[in-house]
N, C-alpha and C. Protein backbone atom coordinates (compact mmCIF):
# COMPACT_ATOMS: atom_id res chain seq x y z
N MET A 1 -55.26 -15.18 62.04
CA MET A 1 -53.94 -15.74 62.17
C MET A 1 -53.02 -14.66 62.73
N SER A 2 -52.24 -15.01 63.74
CA SER A 2 -51.34 -14.03 64.32
C SER A 2 -50.01 -14.06 63.59
N LYS A 3 -49.36 -12.90 63.61
CA LYS A 3 -48.05 -12.80 62.97
C LYS A 3 -46.99 -13.42 63.87
N ARG A 4 -46.00 -13.98 63.26
CA ARG A 4 -44.90 -14.55 64.01
C ARG A 4 -44.04 -13.42 64.55
N ARG A 5 -43.77 -13.46 65.85
CA ARG A 5 -42.95 -12.42 66.44
C ARG A 5 -41.48 -12.71 66.19
N LYS A 6 -40.72 -11.64 65.99
CA LYS A 6 -39.28 -11.77 65.78
C LYS A 6 -38.58 -11.04 66.92
N PHE A 7 -37.54 -11.64 67.43
CA PHE A 7 -36.80 -11.06 68.54
C PHE A 7 -35.37 -10.78 68.10
N SER A 8 -34.83 -9.67 68.57
CA SER A 8 -33.46 -9.31 68.23
C SER A 8 -32.48 -10.22 68.96
N SER A 9 -31.29 -10.30 68.45
CA SER A 9 -30.28 -11.14 69.08
C SER A 9 -29.92 -10.60 70.47
N GLU A 10 -29.99 -9.27 70.65
CA GLU A 10 -29.71 -8.69 71.96
C GLU A 10 -30.76 -9.13 72.98
N PHE A 11 -32.02 -9.15 72.56
CA PHE A 11 -33.10 -9.59 73.45
C PHE A 11 -32.89 -11.04 73.84
N LYS A 12 -32.55 -11.89 72.86
CA LYS A 12 -32.33 -13.30 73.14
C LYS A 12 -31.17 -13.51 74.11
N ARG A 13 -30.07 -12.79 73.86
CA ARG A 13 -28.91 -12.93 74.75
C ARG A 13 -29.24 -12.48 76.17
N GLY A 14 -30.00 -11.38 76.27
CA GLY A 14 -30.39 -10.88 77.59
C GLY A 14 -31.29 -11.85 78.32
N ALA A 15 -32.21 -12.45 77.61
CA ALA A 15 -33.12 -13.42 78.22
C ALA A 15 -32.35 -14.64 78.69
N VAL A 16 -31.43 -15.13 77.86
CA VAL A 16 -30.63 -16.29 78.25
C VAL A 16 -29.77 -15.95 79.45
N GLU A 17 -29.21 -14.74 79.48
CA GLU A 17 -28.38 -14.33 80.61
C GLU A 17 -29.18 -14.31 81.91
N GLN A 18 -30.44 -13.90 81.85
CA GLN A 18 -31.28 -13.87 83.04
C GLN A 18 -31.52 -15.27 83.59
N THR A 19 -31.54 -16.28 82.72
CA THR A 19 -31.77 -17.65 83.19
C THR A 19 -30.55 -18.22 83.89
N ARG A 20 -29.41 -17.62 83.71
CA ARG A 20 -28.18 -18.14 84.31
C ARG A 20 -28.00 -17.70 85.77
N HIS A 21 -28.82 -16.79 86.25
CA HIS A 21 -28.73 -16.34 87.65
C HIS A 21 -29.26 -17.45 88.56
N ALA A 22 -28.65 -17.58 89.71
CA ALA A 22 -29.05 -18.62 90.67
C ALA A 22 -30.45 -18.35 91.20
N GLY A 23 -31.23 -19.40 91.33
CA GLY A 23 -32.56 -19.28 91.90
C GLY A 23 -33.64 -18.80 90.94
N VAL A 24 -33.31 -18.68 89.65
CA VAL A 24 -34.28 -18.22 88.67
C VAL A 24 -34.46 -19.32 87.63
N SER A 25 -35.71 -19.69 87.39
CA SER A 25 -35.97 -20.75 86.40
C SER A 25 -36.28 -20.16 85.03
N CYS A 26 -36.15 -20.99 84.02
CA CYS A 26 -36.48 -20.56 82.66
C CYS A 26 -37.95 -20.16 82.56
N ALA A 27 -38.80 -20.92 83.21
CA ALA A 27 -40.24 -20.65 83.15
C ALA A 27 -40.56 -19.28 83.76
N GLN A 28 -39.91 -18.96 84.86
CA GLN A 28 -40.14 -17.67 85.53
C GLN A 28 -39.70 -16.51 84.63
N VAL A 29 -38.53 -16.62 84.04
CA VAL A 29 -38.03 -15.57 83.16
C VAL A 29 -38.93 -15.44 81.94
N ALA A 30 -39.36 -16.57 81.39
CA ALA A 30 -40.23 -16.56 80.21
C ALA A 30 -41.54 -15.85 80.52
N ARG A 31 -42.13 -16.12 81.68
CA ARG A 31 -43.38 -15.44 82.07
C ARG A 31 -43.17 -13.94 82.17
N GLU A 32 -42.07 -13.53 82.76
CA GLU A 32 -41.78 -12.10 82.92
C GLU A 32 -41.61 -11.41 81.57
N LEU A 33 -41.01 -12.11 80.61
CA LEU A 33 -40.75 -11.53 79.30
C LEU A 33 -41.93 -11.72 78.32
N GLY A 34 -42.89 -12.54 78.68
CA GLY A 34 -44.04 -12.76 77.82
C GLY A 34 -43.75 -13.67 76.64
N ILE A 35 -42.85 -14.62 76.85
CA ILE A 35 -42.53 -15.59 75.80
C ILE A 35 -42.74 -16.99 76.36
N GLY A 36 -42.70 -17.98 75.50
CA GLY A 36 -42.88 -19.35 75.93
C GLY A 36 -41.63 -19.91 76.59
N ALA A 37 -41.85 -20.75 77.59
CA ALA A 37 -40.72 -21.36 78.29
C ALA A 37 -39.91 -22.26 77.36
N ASN A 38 -40.61 -22.95 76.45
CA ASN A 38 -39.90 -23.83 75.50
C ASN A 38 -39.01 -23.01 74.57
N LEU A 39 -39.49 -21.85 74.15
CA LEU A 39 -38.70 -20.99 73.28
C LEU A 39 -37.43 -20.53 74.00
N LEU A 40 -37.59 -20.12 75.24
CA LEU A 40 -36.43 -19.66 76.01
C LEU A 40 -35.45 -20.80 76.25
N SER A 41 -35.95 -21.99 76.50
CA SER A 41 -35.07 -23.15 76.68
C SER A 41 -34.30 -23.45 75.40
N ARG A 42 -34.99 -23.31 74.26
CA ARG A 42 -34.30 -23.54 72.98
C ARG A 42 -33.22 -22.51 72.76
N TRP A 43 -33.49 -21.23 73.09
CA TRP A 43 -32.48 -20.19 72.97
C TRP A 43 -31.28 -20.51 73.85
N ARG A 44 -31.54 -21.02 75.05
CA ARG A 44 -30.44 -21.32 75.98
C ARG A 44 -29.59 -22.47 75.42
N ARG A 45 -30.25 -23.50 74.88
CA ARG A 45 -29.49 -24.61 74.28
C ARG A 45 -28.65 -24.12 73.11
N GLU A 46 -29.23 -23.26 72.28
CA GLU A 46 -28.49 -22.72 71.14
C GLU A 46 -27.31 -21.89 71.61
N SER A 47 -27.50 -21.12 72.65
CA SER A 47 -26.43 -20.30 73.21
C SER A 47 -25.32 -21.18 73.77
N ASP A 48 -25.69 -22.25 74.46
CA ASP A 48 -24.69 -23.16 75.02
C ASP A 48 -23.90 -23.86 73.92
N ALA A 49 -24.59 -24.21 72.84
CA ALA A 49 -23.93 -24.95 71.76
C ALA A 49 -23.04 -24.05 70.90
N SER A 50 -23.52 -22.83 70.62
CA SER A 50 -22.80 -21.97 69.67
C SER A 50 -21.97 -20.88 70.34
N GLY A 51 -22.21 -20.62 71.58
CA GLY A 51 -21.46 -19.58 72.28
C GLY A 51 -21.73 -18.20 71.73
N ASP A 52 -20.68 -17.47 71.35
CA ASP A 52 -20.82 -16.10 70.86
C ASP A 52 -21.47 -16.04 69.48
N ARG A 53 -21.43 -17.14 68.74
CA ARG A 53 -21.99 -17.13 67.39
C ARG A 53 -23.50 -17.36 67.38
N ALA A 54 -24.09 -17.62 68.53
CA ALA A 54 -25.53 -17.87 68.61
C ALA A 54 -26.31 -16.62 68.22
N PHE A 55 -27.44 -16.83 67.61
CA PHE A 55 -28.36 -15.75 67.23
C PHE A 55 -27.73 -14.80 66.21
N GLY A 56 -26.97 -15.33 65.30
CA GLY A 56 -26.31 -14.50 64.30
C GLY A 56 -27.25 -13.89 63.28
N GLY A 57 -28.27 -14.56 62.92
CA GLY A 57 -29.21 -14.05 61.94
C GLY A 57 -30.18 -15.13 61.54
N THR A 58 -31.18 -14.73 60.78
CA THR A 58 -32.18 -15.70 60.38
C THR A 58 -32.15 -15.84 58.87
N GLY A 59 -32.29 -17.08 58.44
CA GLY A 59 -32.41 -17.34 57.02
C GLY A 59 -31.11 -17.18 56.25
N THR A 60 -31.25 -17.32 54.95
CA THR A 60 -30.12 -17.17 54.05
C THR A 60 -30.47 -16.09 53.04
N PRO A 61 -29.48 -15.60 52.30
CA PRO A 61 -29.80 -14.60 51.28
C PRO A 61 -30.84 -15.10 50.28
N ARG A 62 -30.84 -16.37 49.99
CA ARG A 62 -31.83 -16.91 49.05
C ARG A 62 -33.23 -16.81 49.65
N ASP A 63 -33.37 -17.11 50.94
CA ASP A 63 -34.67 -17.00 51.61
C ASP A 63 -35.17 -15.56 51.58
N GLU A 64 -34.26 -14.62 51.79
CA GLU A 64 -34.64 -13.21 51.77
C GLU A 64 -35.11 -12.80 50.38
N GLU A 65 -34.43 -13.32 49.36
CA GLU A 65 -34.83 -13.00 47.99
C GLU A 65 -36.20 -13.57 47.67
N VAL A 66 -36.46 -14.79 48.11
CA VAL A 66 -37.77 -15.41 47.88
C VAL A 66 -38.86 -14.60 48.58
N ALA A 67 -38.60 -14.18 49.80
CA ALA A 67 -39.60 -13.38 50.53
C ALA A 67 -39.86 -12.07 49.82
N GLN A 68 -38.81 -11.42 49.32
CA GLN A 68 -38.97 -10.16 48.59
C GLN A 68 -39.78 -10.38 47.33
N LEU A 69 -39.50 -11.45 46.60
CA LEU A 69 -40.23 -11.74 45.37
C LEU A 69 -41.71 -12.04 45.65
N LYS A 70 -41.99 -12.71 46.76
CA LYS A 70 -43.38 -12.98 47.12
C LYS A 70 -44.12 -11.68 47.44
N ARG A 71 -43.46 -10.76 48.15
CA ARG A 71 -44.09 -9.47 48.44
C ARG A 71 -44.36 -8.70 47.16
N GLU A 72 -43.40 -8.72 46.23
CA GLU A 72 -43.57 -8.01 44.96
C GLU A 72 -44.69 -8.63 44.14
N LEU A 73 -44.77 -9.95 44.13
CA LEU A 73 -45.84 -10.64 43.40
C LEU A 73 -47.21 -10.26 43.97
N ALA A 74 -47.33 -10.21 45.28
CA ALA A 74 -48.60 -9.82 45.90
C ALA A 74 -48.98 -8.41 45.50
N ARG A 75 -48.02 -7.49 45.49
CA ARG A 75 -48.28 -6.11 45.10
C ARG A 75 -48.75 -6.03 43.65
N VAL A 76 -48.08 -6.76 42.77
CA VAL A 76 -48.43 -6.74 41.35
C VAL A 76 -49.82 -7.35 41.14
N LYS A 77 -50.16 -8.38 41.87
CA LYS A 77 -51.50 -8.97 41.76
C LYS A 77 -52.58 -7.98 42.18
N LYS A 78 -52.31 -7.23 43.25
CA LYS A 78 -53.27 -6.22 43.70
C LYS A 78 -53.46 -5.15 42.62
N GLU A 79 -52.36 -4.72 42.03
CA GLU A 79 -52.45 -3.71 40.96
C GLU A 79 -53.23 -4.26 39.77
N ARG A 80 -52.97 -5.50 39.40
CA ARG A 80 -53.68 -6.12 38.28
C ARG A 80 -55.18 -6.18 38.55
N ASP A 81 -55.54 -6.62 39.76
CA ASP A 81 -56.96 -6.73 40.11
C ASP A 81 -57.63 -5.36 40.11
N PHE A 82 -56.92 -4.35 40.62
CA PHE A 82 -57.47 -2.99 40.62
C PHE A 82 -57.71 -2.49 39.19
N LEU A 83 -56.74 -2.71 38.33
CA LEU A 83 -56.88 -2.27 36.94
C LEU A 83 -57.99 -3.02 36.22
N ARG A 84 -58.14 -4.29 36.53
CA ARG A 84 -59.21 -5.08 35.93
C ARG A 84 -60.57 -4.52 36.34
N GLU A 85 -60.73 -4.21 37.64
CA GLU A 85 -61.99 -3.64 38.13
C GLU A 85 -62.24 -2.26 37.52
N ALA A 86 -61.20 -1.46 37.39
CA ALA A 86 -61.35 -0.13 36.81
C ALA A 86 -61.76 -0.23 35.35
N ALA A 87 -61.18 -1.14 34.61
CA ALA A 87 -61.53 -1.32 33.20
C ALA A 87 -62.99 -1.77 33.08
N THR A 88 -63.42 -2.65 33.95
CA THR A 88 -64.81 -3.10 33.94
C THR A 88 -65.75 -1.95 34.25
N PHE A 89 -65.40 -1.15 35.24
CA PHE A 89 -66.22 -0.01 35.62
C PHE A 89 -66.38 0.98 34.46
N PHE A 90 -65.27 1.33 33.83
CA PHE A 90 -65.32 2.30 32.75
C PHE A 90 -65.98 1.74 31.49
N ALA A 91 -65.88 0.44 31.29
CA ALA A 91 -66.56 -0.18 30.15
C ALA A 91 -68.07 -0.10 30.34
N ARG A 92 -68.55 -0.29 31.57
CA ARG A 92 -69.98 -0.18 31.85
C ARG A 92 -70.45 1.26 31.71
N GLU A 93 -69.66 2.20 32.13
CA GLU A 93 -70.02 3.62 32.08
C GLU A 93 -70.15 4.13 30.64
N SER A 94 -69.30 3.61 29.76
CA SER A 94 -69.32 4.10 28.38
C SER A 94 -70.47 3.49 27.57
N SER A 95 -71.06 2.41 28.06
CA SER A 95 -72.15 1.75 27.32
C SER A 95 -73.45 2.47 27.48
């Protein structure tokens, strides 16, 4: 499974600006930047609708907290599994 790529707001604004030049299509700019044409078209629609407020940020503080808690839970599970294996190993060694 590939990781989802994240693009900065400056990158998005620059890409949208390139599509506004005469004689350049969204598909051509998307190929040059290595992104999908549909993604670039969506960025352009968002830019047209929101103007300067487009690409302000992703998610909400609650989403960020949930993501942080999921990362912490994964770390704690790894530690638990490691300790369980270590306890099993040492229990066998002492017998």
